[in-house]
């Protein structure tokens, strides 16, 4: 009985310490696309800002989907920075995109044990 109580107490203390250090975090990173209107001509620049106060951004990925075809246009591992701002250059023709609608998908994952992500 005392061993199981000690084990439960030890787990709770470990959880609290990891939470205080920011290694366990229940909030999602915030993503902002700074270009309010996106029109991909021959060349386009997408400006992205990702913010996560605790423990910081671990990695960032950007995809463009068109006609059931998903293309990764950017991927970067980041060392738990609190804020990341990027300008991503896109050349639609070289990616095989055609004229028409496309969907921009941005994924930011934080560095917590829970690996919370936002799209």
PDB file of N, CA and C in Angstrom:
ATOM      1  N   UNK A   1       0.819  -1.190   0.000  1.00  0.00           N
ATOM      2  CA  UNK A   1       0.000   0.000   0.000  1.00  0.00           C
ATOM      3  C   UNK A   1       0.867   1.260   0.000  1.00  0.00           C
ATOM      4  N   UNK A   2       1.902   1.275   0.858  1.00  0.00           N
ATOM      5  CA  UNK A   2       2.778   2.441   0.926  1.00  0.00           C
ATOM      6  C   UNK A   2       3.575   2.599  -0.363  1.00  0.00           C
ATOM      7  N   UNK A   3       3.972   1.479  -1.001  1.00  0.00           N
ATOM      8  CA  UNK A   3       4.745   1.556  -2.241  1.00  0.00           C
ATOM      9  C   UNK A   3       3.907   2.151  -3.364  1.00  0.00           C
ATOM     10  N   UNK A   4       2.650   1.744  -3.466  1.00  0.00           N
ATOM     11  CA  UNK A   4       1.799   2.272  -4.535  1.00  0.00           C
ATOM     12  C   UNK A   4       1.474   3.749  -4.290  1.00  0.00           C
ATOM     13  N   UNK A   5       1.273   4.138  -3.044  1.00  0.00           N
ATOM     14  CA  UNK A   5       1.039   5.542  -2.717  1.00  0.00           C
ATOM     15  C   UNK A   5       2.276   6.376  -3.040  1.00  0.00           C
ATOM     16  N   UNK A   6       3.447   5.863  -2.720  1.00  0.00           N
ATOM     17  CA  UNK A   6       4.702   6.547  -3.036  1.00  0.00           C
ATOM     18  C   UNK A   6       4.871   6.687  -4.549  1.00  0.00           C
ATOM     19  N   UNK A   7       4.546   5.638  -5.298  1.00  0.00           N
ATOM     20  CA  UNK A   7       4.669   5.673  -6.754  1.00  0.00           C
ATOM     21  C   UNK A   7       3.719   6.707  -7.359  1.00  0.00           C
ATOM     22  N   UNK A   8       2.488   6.746  -6.879  1.00  0.00           N
ATOM     23  CA  UNK A   8       1.515   7.733  -7.363  1.00  0.00           C
ATOM     24  C   UNK A   8       1.992   9.142  -7.045  1.00  0.00           C
ATOM     25  N   UNK A   9       2.508   9.364  -5.862  1.00  0.00           N
ATOM     26  CA  UNK A   9       3.018  10.670  -5.460  1.00  0.00           C
ATOM     27  C   UNK A   9       4.214  11.075  -6.322  1.00  0.00           C
ATOM     28  N   UNK A  10       5.087  10.133  -6.595  1.00  0.00           N
ATOM     29  CA  UNK A  10       6.253  10.398  -7.438  1.00  0.00           C
ATOM     30  C   UNK A  10       5.832  10.774  -8.863  1.00  0.00           C
ATOM     31  N   UNK A  11       4.839  10.085  -9.407  1.00  0.00           N
ATOM     32  CA  UNK A  11       4.331  10.398 -10.750  1.00  0.00           C
ATOM     33  C   UNK A  11       3.710  11.793 -10.772  1.00  0.00           C
ATOM     34  N   UNK A  12       2.936  12.127  -9.759  1.00  0.00           N
ATOM     35  CA  UNK A  12       2.325  13.461  -9.691  1.00  0.00           C
ATOM     36  C   UNK A  12       3.375  14.560  -9.580  1.00  0.00           C
ATOM     37  N   UNK A  13       4.383  14.349  -8.775  1.00  0.00           N
ATOM     38  CA  UNK A  13       5.465  15.331  -8.646  1.00  0.00           C
ATOM     39  C   UNK A  13       6.193  15.496  -9.980  1.00  0.00           C
ATOM     40  N   UNK A  14       6.463  14.376 -10.652  1.00  0.00           N
ATOM     41  CA  UNK A  14       7.115  14.430 -11.967  1.00  0.00           C
ATOM     42  C   UNK A  14       6.272  15.193 -12.975  1.00  0.00           C
ATOM     43  N   UNK A  15       4.959  14.956 -12.974  1.00  0.00           N
ATOM     44  CA  UNK A  15       4.056  15.669 -13.871  1.00  0.00           C
ATOM     45  C   UNK A  15       4.087  17.168 -13.602  1.00  0.00           C
ATOM     46  N   UNK A  16       4.035  17.563 -12.340  1.00  0.00           N
ATOM     47  CA  UNK A  16       4.050  18.982 -11.967  1.00  0.00           C
ATOM     48  C   UNK A  16       5.364  19.637 -12.389  1.00  0.00           C
ATOM     49  N   UNK A  17       6.481  18.960 -12.165  1.00  0.00           N
ATOM     50  CA  UNK A  17       7.788  19.514 -12.556  1.00  0.00           C
ATOM     51  C   UNK A  17       7.851  19.698 -14.073  1.00  0.00           C
ATOM     52  N   UNK A  18       7.437  18.690 -14.842  1.00  0.00           N
ATOM     53  CA  UNK A  18       7.445  18.801 -16.300  1.00  0.00           C
ATOM     54  C   UNK A  18       6.505  19.899 -16.780  1.00  0.00           C
ATOM     55  N   UNK A  19       5.361  20.075 -16.112  1.00  0.00           N
ATOM     56  CA  UNK A  19       4.427  21.140 -16.476  1.00  0.00           C
ATOM     57  C   UNK A  19       5.043  22.508 -16.213  1.00  0.00           C
ATOM     58  N   UNK A  20       5.688  22.677 -15.070  1.00  0.00           N
ATOM     59  CA  UNK A  20       6.321  23.961 -14.729  1.00  0.00           C
ATOM     60  C   UNK A  20       7.452  24.287 -15.705  1.00  0.00           C
ATOM     61  N   UNK A  21       8.212  23.278 -16.102  1.00  0.00           N
ATOM     62  CA  UNK A  21       9.308  23.491 -17.048  1.00  0.00           C
ATOM     63  C   UNK A  21       8.816  23.718 -18.474  1.00  0.00           C
ATOM     64  N   UNK A  22       7.527  23.494 -18.711  1.00  0.00           N
ATOM     65  CA  UNK A  22       6.973  23.695 -20.045  1.00  0.00           C
ATOM     66  C   UNK A  22       7.079  22.474 -20.942  1.00  0.00           C
ATOM     67  N   UNK A  23       7.533  21.358 -20.416  1.00  0.00           N
ATOM     68  CA  UNK A  23       7.653  20.147 -21.219  1.00  0.00           C
ATOM     69  C   UNK A  23       6.307  19.468 -21.418  1.00  0.00           C
ATOM     70  N   UNK A  24       5.350  19.767 -20.552  1.00  0.00           N
ATOM     71  CA  UNK A  24       3.971  19.335 -20.744  1.00  0.00           C
ATOM     72  C   UNK A  24       3.147  20.605 -20.870  1.00  0.00           C
ATOM     73  N   UNK A  25       2.490  20.740 -22.003  1.00  0.00           N
ATOM     74  CA  UNK A  25       1.792  21.967 -22.321  1.00  0.00           C
ATOM     75  C   UNK A  25       0.539  21.593 -23.103  1.00  0.00           C
ATOM     76  N   UNK A  26      -0.590  22.170 -22.755  1.00  0.00           N
ATOM     77  CA  UNK A  26      -1.838  21.815 -23.405  1.00  0.00           C
ATOM     78  C   UNK A  26      -2.294  22.852 -24.435  1.00  0.00           C
ATOM     79  N   UNK A  27      -1.532  23.914 -24.630  1.00  0.00           N
ATOM     80  CA  UNK A  27      -1.934  24.937 -25.598  1.00  0.00           C
ATOM     81  C   UNK A  27      -1.284  24.670 -26.950  1.00  0.00           C
ATOM     82  N   UNK A  28      -2.014  25.035 -28.006  1.00  0.00           N
ATOM     83  CA  UNK A  28      -1.526  24.843 -29.374  1.00  0.00           C
ATOM     84  C   UNK A  28      -0.701  26.053 -29.807  1.00  0.00           C
ATOM     85  N   UNK A  29       0.258  25.835 -30.713  1.00  0.00           N
ATOM     86  CA  UNK A  29       0.961  26.974 -31.303  1.00  0.00           C
ATOM     87  C   UNK A  29      -0.020  27.841 -32.102  1.00  0.00           C
ATOM     88  N   UNK A  30       0.257  29.117 -32.187  1.00  0.00           N
ATOM     89  CA  UNK A  30      -0.566  30.031 -32.980  1.00  0.00           C
ATOM     90  C   UNK A  30       0.121  30.284 -34.314  1.00  0.00           C
ATOM     91  N   UNK A  31      -0.637  30.170 -35.405  1.00  0.00           N
ATOM     92  CA  UNK A  31      -0.102  30.376 -36.751  1.00  0.00           C
ATOM     93  C   UNK A  31      -0.834  31.551 -37.384  1.00  0.00           C
ATOM     94  N   UNK A  32      -0.059  32.444 -37.990  1.00  0.00           N
ATOM     95  CA  UNK A  32      -0.634  33.584 -38.699  1.00  0.00           C
ATOM     96  C   UNK A  32      -0.008  33.659 -40.083  1.00  0.00           C
ATOM     97  N   UNK A  33      -0.858  33.753 -41.111  1.00  0.00           N
ATOM     98  CA  UNK A  33      -0.374  34.020 -42.467  1.00  0.00           C
ATOM     99  C   UNK A  33      -0.469  35.527 -42.640  1.00  0.00           C
ATOM    100  N   UNK A  34       0.662  36.162 -42.866  1.00  0.00           N
ATOM    101  CA  UNK A  34       0.708  37.623 -42.905  1.00  0.00           C
ATOM    102  C   UNK A  34       0.188  38.192 -44.220  1.00  0.00           C
ATOM    103  N   UNK A  35       0.189  37.393 -45.296  1.00  0.00           N
ATOM    104  CA  UNK A  35      -0.404  37.827 -46.568  1.00  0.00           C
ATOM    105  C   UNK A  35      -1.911  37.652 -46.438  1.00  0.00           C
ATOM    106  N   UNK A  36      -2.667  38.711 -46.517  1.00  0.00           N
ATOM    107  CA  UNK A  36      -4.115  38.596 -46.355  1.00  0.00           C
ATOM    108  C   UNK A  36      -4.777  37.998 -47.591  1.00  0.00           C
ATOM    109  N   UNK A  37      -4.277  38.324 -48.763  1.00  0.00           N
ATOM    110  CA  UNK A  37      -4.789  37.696 -49.985  1.00  0.00           C
ATOM    111  C   UNK A  37      -3.619  37.020 -50.675  1.00  0.00           C
ATOM    112  N   UNK A  38      -3.827  35.780 -51.002  1.00  0.00           N
ATOM    113  CA  UNK A  38      -2.769  35.031 -51.670  1.00  0.00           C
ATOM    114  C   UNK A  38      -3.157  34.759 -53.108  1.00  0.00           C
ATOM    115  N   UNK A  39      -2.352  35.242 -53.998  1.00  0.00           N
ATOM    116  CA  UNK A  39      -2.519  34.942 -55.406  1.00  0.00           C
ATOM    117  C   UNK A  39      -1.151  34.485 -55.887  1.00  0.00           C
ATOM    118  N   UNK A  40      -1.085  33.249 -56.312  1.00  0.00           N
ATOM    119  CA  UNK A  40       0.188  32.696 -56.744  1.00  0.00           C
ATOM    120  C   UNK A  40       0.376  32.971 -58.225  1.00  0.00           C
ATOM    121  N   UNK A  41       1.185  33.943 -58.561  1.00  0.00           N
ATOM    122  CA  UNK A  41       1.509  34.199 -59.958  1.00  0.00           C
ATOM    123  C   UNK A  41       2.622  33.248 -60.362  1.00  0.00           C
ATOM    124  N   UNK A  42       3.575  33.738 -61.138  1.00  0.00           N
ATOM    125  CA  UNK A  42       4.725  32.892 -61.503  1.00  0.00           C
ATOM    126  C   UNK A  42       5.579  32.605 -60.277  1.00  0.00           C
ATOM    127  N   UNK A  43       5.684  33.579 -59.403  1.00  0.00           N
ATOM    128  CA  UNK A  43       6.402  33.425 -58.140  1.00  0.00           C
ATOM    129  C   UNK A  43       5.547  34.030 -57.041  1.00  0.00           C
ATOM    130  N   UNK A  44       5.581  33.421 -55.887  1.00  0.00           N
ATOM    131  CA  UNK A  44       4.807  33.953 -54.763  1.00  0.00           C
ATOM    132  C   UNK A  44       5.634  33.817 -53.494  1.00  0.00           C
ATOM    133  N   UNK A  45       5.391  34.707 -52.564  1.00  0.00           N
ATOM    134  CA  UNK A  45       6.028  34.644 -51.259  1.00  0.00           C
ATOM    135  C   UNK A  45       4.913  34.570 -50.222  1.00  0.00           C
ATOM    136  N   UNK A  46       4.973  33.540 -49.398  1.00  0.00           N
ATOM    137  CA  UNK A  46       4.016  33.383 -48.312  1.00  0.00           C
ATOM    138  C   UNK A  46       4.740  33.729 -47.020  1.00  0.00           C
ATOM    139  N   UNK A  47       4.212  34.711 -46.300  1.00  0.00           N
ATOM    140  CA  UNK A  47       4.805  35.131 -45.030  1.00  0.00           C
ATOM    141  C   UNK A  47       4.020  34.496 -43.889  1.00  0.00           C
ATOM    142  N   UNK A  48       4.727  33.748 -43.047  1.00  0.00           N
ATOM    143  CA  UNK A  48       4.110  32.982 -41.974  1.00  0.00           C
ATOM    144  C   UNK A  48       4.764  33.344 -40.651  1.00  0.00           C
ATOM    145  N   UNK A  49       3.938  33.417 -39.609  1.00  0.00           N
ATOM    146  CA  UNK A  49       4.445  33.635 -38.257  1.00  0.00           C
ATOM    147  C   UNK A  49       3.832  32.565 -37.355  1.00  0.00           C
ATOM    148  N   UNK A  50       4.665  31.876 -36.586  1.00  0.00           N
ATOM    149  CA  UNK A  50       4.202  30.868 -35.633  1.00  0.00           C
ATOM    150  C   UNK A  50       4.720  31.234 -34.251  1.00  0.00           C
ATOM    151  N   UNK A  51       3.841  31.146 -33.246  1.00  0.00           N
ATOM    152  CA  UNK A  51       4.191  31.524 -31.879  1.00  0.00           C
ATOM    153  C   UNK A  51       3.745  30.422 -30.922  1.00  0.00           C
ATOM    154  N   UNK A  52       4.621  30.059 -29.998  1.00  0.00           N
ATOM    155  CA  UNK A  52       4.285  29.133 -28.917  1.00  0.00           C
ATOM    156  C   UNK A  52       5.134  29.515 -27.713  1.00  0.00           C
ATOM    157  N   UNK A  53       4.480  30.013 -26.664  1.00  0.00           N
ATOM    158  CA  UNK A  53       5.212  30.520 -25.501  1.00  0.00           C
ATOM    159  C   UNK A  53       5.941  29.440 -24.724  1.00  0.00           C
ATOM    160  N   UNK A  54       5.295  28.316 -24.506  1.00  0.00           N
ATOM    161  CA  UNK A  54       5.931  27.209 -23.780  1.00  0.00           C
ATOM    162  C   UNK A  54       5.677  25.937 -24.534  1.00  0.00           C
ATOM    163  N   UNK A  55       6.590  25.159 -24.825  1.00  0.00           N
ATOM    164  CA  UNK A  55       8.035  25.287 -24.719  1.00  0.00           C
ATOM    165  C   UNK A  55       8.668  25.887 -25.966  1.00  0.00           C
ATOM    166  N   UNK A  56       7.871  26.225 -26.985  1.00  0.00           N
ATOM    167  CA  UNK A  56       8.397  26.794 -28.221  1.00  0.00           C
ATOM    168  C   UNK A  56       8.106  25.892 -29.410  1.00  0.00           C
ATOM    169  N   UNK A  57       8.306  26.432 -30.608  1.00  0.00           N
ATOM    170  CA  UNK A  57       8.050  25.702 -31.858  1.00  0.00           C
ATOM    171  C   UNK A  57       9.172  24.698 -32.095  1.00  0.00           C
ATOM    172  N   UNK A  58       8.801  23.454 -32.372  1.00  0.00           N
ATOM    173  CA  UNK A  58       9.788  22.408 -32.650  1.00  0.00           C
ATOM    174  C   UNK A  58       9.991  22.214 -34.148  1.00  0.00           C
ATOM    175  N   UNK A  59       8.906  22.206 -34.911  1.00  0.00           N
ATOM    176  CA  UNK A  59       9.056  22.124 -36.362  1.00  0.00           C
ATOM    177  C   UNK A  59       7.871  22.760 -37.060  1.00  0.00           C
ATOM    178  N   UNK A  60       8.108  23.112 -38.310  1.00  0.00           N
ATOM    179  CA  UNK A  60       7.124  23.824 -39.116  1.00  0.00           C
ATOM    180  C   UNK A  60       7.107  23.206 -40.502  1.00  0.00           C
ATOM    181  N   UNK A  61       5.898  22.938 -41.024  1.00  0.00           N
ATOM    182  CA  UNK A  61       5.733  22.369 -42.363  1.00  0.00           C
ATOM    183  C   UNK A  61       4.653  23.152 -43.088  1.00  0.00           C
ATOM    184  N   UNK A  62       4.849  23.331 -44.404  1.00  0.00           N
ATOM    185  CA  UNK A  62       3.869  24.031 -45.225  1.00  0.00           C
ATOM    186  C   UNK A  62       3.567  23.157 -46.440  1.00  0.00           C
ATOM    187  N   UNK A  63       2.261  22.985 -46.719  1.00  0.00           N
ATOM    188  CA  UNK A  63       1.801  22.187 -47.846  1.00  0.00           C
ATOM    189  C   UNK A  63       0.854  23.025 -48.692  1.00  0.00           C
ATOM    190  N   UNK A  64       0.788  22.697 -49.984  1.00  0.00           N
ATOM    191  CA  UNK A  64      -0.237  23.233 -50.871  1.00  0.00           C
ATOM    192  C   UNK A  64      -0.934  22.034 -51.499  1.00  0.00           C
ATOM    193  N   UNK A  65      -2.266  22.053 -51.441  1.00  0.00           N
ATOM    194  CA  UNK A  65      -3.059  20.971 -52.021  1.00  0.00           C
ATOM    195  C   UNK A  65      -3.902  21.520 -53.158  1.00  0.00           C
ATOM    196  N   UNK A  66      -3.930  20.757 -54.249  1.00  0.00           N
ATOM    197  CA  UNK A  66      -4.778  21.114 -55.383  1.00  0.00           C
ATOM    198  C   UNK A  66      -5.180  19.836 -56.093  1.00  0.00           C
ATOM    199  N   UNK A  67      -6.462  19.699 -56.372  1.00  0.00           N
ATOM    200  CA  UNK A  67      -6.986  18.522 -57.084  1.00  0.00           C
ATOM    201  C   UNK A  67      -6.536  17.210 -56.444  1.00  0.00           C
ATOM    202  N   UNK A  68      -6.726  17.088 -55.134  1.00  0.00           N
ATOM    203  CA  UNK A  68      -6.373  15.877 -54.370  1.00  0.00           C
ATOM    204  C   UNK A  68      -4.891  15.530 -54.437  1.00  0.00           C
ATOM    205  N   UNK A  69      -4.045  16.517 -54.688  1.00  0.00           N
ATOM    206  CA  UNK A  69      -2.601  16.315 -54.740  1.00  0.00           C
ATOM    207  C   UNK A  69      -1.963  17.257 -53.710  1.00  0.00           C
ATOM    208  N   UNK A  70      -1.316  16.684 -52.683  1.00  0.00           N
ATOM    209  CA  UNK A  70      -0.715  17.468 -51.599  1.00  0.00           C
ATOM    210  C   UNK A  70       0.790  17.546 -51.806  1.00  0.00           C
ATOM    211  N   UNK A  71       1.316  18.763 -51.808  1.00  0.00           N
ATOM    212  CA  UNK A  71       2.743  18.999 -52.072  1.00  0.00           C
ATOM    213  C   UNK A  71       3.362  19.704 -50.867  1.00  0.00           C
ATOM    214  N   UNK A  72       4.439  19.133 -50.337  1.00  0.00           N
ATOM    215  CA  UNK A  72       5.170  19.792 -49.250  1.00  0.00           C
ATOM    216  C   UNK A  72       6.092  20.834 -49.871  1.00  0.00           C
ATOM    217  N   UNK A  73       5.904  22.097 -49.484  1.00  0.00           N
ATOM    218  CA  UNK A  73       6.717  23.171 -50.052  1.00  0.00           C
ATOM    219  C   UNK A  73       7.752  23.706 -49.072  1.00  0.00           C
ATOM    220  N   UNK A  74       7.613  23.321 -47.791  1.00  0.00           N
ATOM    221  CA  UNK A  74       8.585  23.787 -46.798  1.00  0.00           C
ATOM    222  C   UNK A  74       8.538  22.867 -45.593  1.00  0.00           C
ATOM    223  N   UNK A  75       9.724  22.589 -45.030  1.00  0.00           N
ATOM    224  CA  UNK A  75       9.829  21.841 -43.783  1.00  0.00           C
ATOM    225  C   UNK A  75      11.102  22.271 -43.082  1.00  0.00           C
ATOM    226  N   UNK A  76      10.975  22.571 -41.793  1.00  0.00           N
ATOM    227  CA  UNK A  76      12.159  22.977 -41.034  1.00  0.00           C
ATOM    228  C   UNK A  76      12.004  22.566 -39.575  1.00  0.00           C
ATOM    229  N   UNK A  77      13.052  21.957 -39.038  1.00  0.00           N
ATOM    230  CA  UNK A  77      13.111  21.698 -37.603  1.00  0.00           C
ATOM    231  C   UNK A  77      13.654  22.944 -36.934  1.00  0.00           C
ATOM    232  N   UNK A  78      13.035  23.305 -35.829  1.00  0.00           N
ATOM    233  CA  UNK A  78      13.390  24.542 -35.134  1.00  0.00           C
ATOM    234  C   UNK A  78      13.664  24.181 -33.682  1.00  0.00           C
ATOM    235  N   UNK A  79      14.637  24.811 -33.102  1.00  0.00           N
ATOM    236  CA  UNK A  79      15.074  24.469 -31.749  1.00  0.00           C
ATOM    237  C   UNK A  79      14.241  25.175 -30.689  1.00  0.00           C
ATOM    238  N   UNK A  80      12.956  24.847 -30.614  1.00  0.00           N
ATOM    239  CA  UNK A  80      12.045  25.373 -29.583  1.00  0.00           C
ATOM    240  C   UNK A  80      12.075  26.888 -29.432  1.00  0.00           C
ATOM    241  N   UNK A  81      12.035  27.587 -30.561  1.00  0.00           N
ATOM    242  CA  UNK A  81      11.961  29.048 -30.515  1.00  0.00           C
ATOM    243  C   UNK A  81      10.543  29.477 -30.175  1.00  0.00           C
ATOM    244  N   UNK A  82      10.418  30.536 -29.428  1.00  0.00           N
ATOM    245  CA  UNK A  82       9.099  31.045 -29.015  1.00  0.00           C
ATOM    246  C   UNK A  82       8.327  31.624 -30.194  1.00  0.00           C
ATOM    247  N   UNK A  83       9.050  32.254 -31.127  1.00  0.00           N
ATOM    248  CA  UNK A  83       8.414  32.879 -32.284  1.00  0.00           C
ATOM    249  C   UNK A  83       9.266  32.648 -33.521  1.00  0.00           C
ATOM    250  N   UNK A  84       8.597  32.280 -34.617  1.00  0.00           N
ATOM    251  CA  UNK A  84       9.283  32.025 -35.882  1.00  0.00           C
ATOM    252  C   UNK A  84       8.555  32.792 -36.977  1.00  0.00           C
ATOM    253  N   UNK A  85       9.287  33.574 -37.753  1.00  0.00           N
ATOM    254  CA  UNK A  85       8.732  34.273 -38.908  1.00  0.00           C
ATOM    255  C   UNK A  85       9.478  33.807 -40.146  1.00  0.00           C
ATOM    256  N   UNK A  86       8.718  33.476 -41.187  1.00  0.00           N
ATOM    257  CA  UNK A  86       9.312  32.943 -42.412  1.00  0.00           C
ATOM    258  C   UNK A  86       8.711  33.597 -43.638  1.00  0.00           C
ATOM    259  N   UNK A  87       9.505  33.697 -44.679  1.00  0.00           N
ATOM    260  CA  UNK A  87       9.033  34.047 -46.012  1.00  0.00           C
ATOM    261  C   UNK A  87       9.359  32.850 -46.898  1.00  0.00           C
ATOM    262  N   UNK A  88       8.321  32.208 -47.409  1.00  0.00           N
ATOM    263  CA  UNK A  88       8.502  30.994 -48.197  1.00  0.00           C
ATOM    264  C   UNK A  88       8.234  31.314 -49.658  1.00  0.00           C
ATOM    265  N   UNK A  89       9.232  31.098 -50.496  1.00  0.00           N
ATOM    266  CA  UNK A  89       9.093  31.337 -51.930  1.00  0.00           C
ATOM    267  C   UNK A  89       8.452  30.121 -52.594  1.00  0.00           C
ATOM    268  N   UNK A  90       7.442  30.389 -53.432  1.00  0.00           N
ATOM    269  CA  UNK A  90       6.725  29.316 -54.109  1.00  0.00           C
ATOM    270  C   UNK A  90       6.707  29.603 -55.602  1.00  0.00           C
ATOM    271  N   UNK A  91       7.051  28.604 -56.385  1.00  0.00           N
ATOM    272  CA  UNK A  91       6.968  28.683 -57.843  1.00  0.00           C
ATOM    273  C   UNK A  91       5.933  27.646 -58.283  1.00  0.00           C
ATOM    274  N   UNK A  92       4.682  28.087 -58.468  1.00  0.00           N
ATOM    275  CA  UNK A  92       3.589  27.156 -58.730  1.00  0.00           C
ATOM    276  C   UNK A  92       3.818  26.214 -59.916  1.00  0.00           C
ATOM    277  N   UNK A  93       4.345  26.726 -61.014  1.00  0.00           N
ATOM    278  CA  UNK A  93       4.525  25.864 -62.197  1.00  0.00           C
ATOM    279  C   UNK A  93       5.514  24.743 -61.920  1.00  0.00           C
ATOM    280  N   UNK A  94       6.595  25.035 -61.204  1.00  0.00           N
ATOM    281  CA  UNK A  94       7.580  23.988 -60.922  1.00  0.00           C
ATOM    282  C   UNK A  94       7.031  22.939 -59.952  1.00  0.00           C
ATOM    283  N   UNK A  95       5.971  23.293 -59.209  1.00  0.00           N
ATOM    284  CA  UNK A  95       5.332  22.338 -58.297  1.00  0.00           C
ATOM    285  C   UNK A  95       4.223  21.542 -58.983  1.00  0.00           C
ATOM    286  N   UNK A  96       3.917  21.903 -60.227  1.00  0.00           N
ATOM    287  CA  UNK A  96       2.863  21.208 -60.949  1.00  0.00           C
ATOM    288  C   UNK A  96       1.478  21.755 -60.668  1.00  0.00           C
ATOM    289  N   UNK A  97       1.393  22.954 -60.090  1.00  0.00           N
ATOM    290  CA  UNK A  97       0.097  23.571 -59.822  1.00  0.00           C
ATOM    291  C   UNK A  97      -0.434  24.210 -61.098  1.00  0.00           C
ATOM    292  N   UNK A  98      -1.754  24.164 -61.244  1.00  0.00           N
ATOM    293  CA  UNK A  98      -2.398  24.769 -62.407  1.00  0.00           C
ATOM    294  C   UNK A  98      -3.273  25.922 -61.936  1.00  0.00           C
ATOM    295  N   UNK A  99      -3.790  26.688 -62.885  1.00  0.00           N
ATOM    296  CA  UNK A  99      -4.648  27.808 -62.537  1.00  0.00           C
ATOM    297  C   UNK A  99      -5.909  27.286 -61.845  1.00  0.00           C
ATOM    298  N   UNK A 100      -6.287  27.955 -60.780  1.00  0.00           N
ATOM    299  CA  UNK A 100      -7.471  27.546 -60.026  1.00  0.00           C
ATOM    300  C   UNK A 100      -7.194  27.587 -58.534  1.00  0.00           C
ATOM    301  N   UNK A 101      -8.160  27.132 -57.763  1.00  0.00           N
ATOM    302  CA  UNK A 101      -8.046  27.170 -56.306  1.00  0.00           C
ATOM    303  C   UNK A 101      -7.054  26.133 -55.792  1.00  0.00           C
ATOM    304  N   UNK A 102      -6.395  26.492 -54.711  1.00  0.00           N
ATOM    305  CA  UNK A 102      -5.488  25.586 -54.001  1.00  0.00           C
ATOM    306  C   UNK A 102      -5.646  25.871 -52.509  1.00  0.00           C
ATOM    307  N   UNK A 103      -5.281  24.895 -51.703  1.00  0.00           N
ATOM    308  CA  UNK A 103      -5.407  25.042 -50.249  1.00  0.00           C
ATOM    309  C   UNK A 103      -4.021  25.097 -49.636  1.00  0.00           C
ATOM    310  N   UNK A 104      -3.787  26.103 -48.798  1.00  0.00           N
ATOM    311  CA  UNK A 104      -2.542  26.252 -48.069  1.00  0.00           C
ATOM    312  C   UNK A 104      -2.718  25.617 -46.700  1.00  0.00           C
ATOM    313  N   UNK A 105      -1.815  24.732 -46.318  1.00  0.00           N
ATOM    314  CA  UNK A 105      -1.886  24.040 -45.038  1.00  0.00           C
ATOM    315  C   UNK A 105      -0.562  24.261 -44.309  1.00  0.00           C
ATOM    316  N   UNK A 106      -0.617  24.779 -43.096  1.00  0.00           N
ATOM    317  CA  UNK A 106       0.578  25.052 -42.310  1.00  0.00           C
ATOM    318  C   UNK A 106       0.477  24.260 -41.019  1.00  0.00           C
ATOM    319  N   UNK A 107       1.531  23.542 -40.702  1.00  0.00           N
ATOM    320  CA  UNK A 107       1.558  22.730 -39.489  1.00  0.00           C
ATOM    321  C   UNK A 107       2.718  23.186 -38.625  1.00  0.00           C
ATOM    322  N   UNK A 108       2.413  23.585 -37.396  1.00  0.00           N
ATOM    323  CA  UNK A 108       3.437  23.948 -36.419  1.00  0.00           C
ATOM    324  C   UNK A 108       3.296  22.994 -35.243  1.00  0.00           C
ATOM    325  N   UNK A 109       4.390  22.401 -34.833  1.00  0.00           N
ATOM    326  CA  UNK A 109       4.378  21.464 -33.706  1.00  0.00           C
ATOM    327  C   UNK A 109       5.264  22.021 -32.609  1.00  0.00           C
ATOM    328  N   UNK A 110       4.774  21.951 -31.374  1.00  0.00           N
ATOM    329  CA  UNK A 110       5.581  22.467 -30.267  1.00  0.00           C
ATOM    330  C   UNK A 110       6.510  21.389 -29.725  1.00  0.00           C
ATOM    331  N   UNK A 111       7.393  21.790 -28.828  1.00  0.00           N
ATOM    332  CA  UNK A 111       8.405  20.879 -28.298  1.00  0.00           C
ATOM    333  C   UNK A 111       7.993  20.166 -27.017  1.00  0.00           C
ATOM    334  N   UNK A 112       6.708  20.190 -26.687  1.00  0.00           N
ATOM    335  CA  UNK A 112       6.271  19.519 -25.465  1.00  0.00           C
ATOM    336  C   UNK A 112       6.233  18.019 -25.648  1.00  0.00           C
ATOM    337  N   UNK A 113       6.157  17.316 -24.565  1.00  0.00           N
ATOM    338  CA  UNK A 113       6.062  15.849 -24.587  1.00  0.00           C
ATOM    339  C   UNK A 113       4.808  15.438 -25.344  1.00  0.00           C
ATOM    340  N   UNK A 114       3.744  16.231 -25.254  1.00  0.00           N
ATOM    341  CA  UNK A 114       2.481  15.902 -25.916  1.00  0.00           C
ATOM    342  C   UNK A 114       2.497  16.201 -27.420  1.00  0.00           C
ATOM    343  N   UNK A 115       3.519  16.920 -27.896  1.00  0.00           N
ATOM    344  CA  UNK A 115       3.667  17.274 -29.315  1.00  0.00           C
ATOM    345  C   UNK A 115       2.397  17.886 -29.889  1.00  0.00           C
ATOM    346  N   UNK A 116       1.901  18.905 -29.224  1.00  0.00           N
ATOM    347  CA  UNK A 116       0.677  19.600 -29.670  1.00  0.00           C
ATOM    348  C   UNK A 116       0.965  20.286 -31.003  1.00  0.00           C
ATOM    349  N   UNK A 117       0.025  20.185 -31.934  1.00  0.00           N
ATOM    350  CA  UNK A 117       0.221  20.838 -33.222  1.00  0.00           C
ATOM    351  C   UNK A 117      -1.011  21.619 -33.624  1.00  0.00           C
ATOM    352  N   UNK A 118      -0.799  22.564 -34.504  1.00  0.00           N
ATOM    353  CA  UNK A 118      -1.869  23.417 -35.024  1.00  0.00           C
ATOM    354  C   UNK A 118      -1.759  23.436 -36.525  1.00  0.00           C
ATOM    355  N   UNK A 119      -2.913  23.385 -37.198  1.00  0.00           N
ATOM    356  CA  UNK A 119      -2.965  23.466 -38.662  1.00  0.00           C
ATOM    357  C   UNK A 119      -3.609  24.759 -39.073  1.00  0.00           C
TER     358      UNK A 119
END
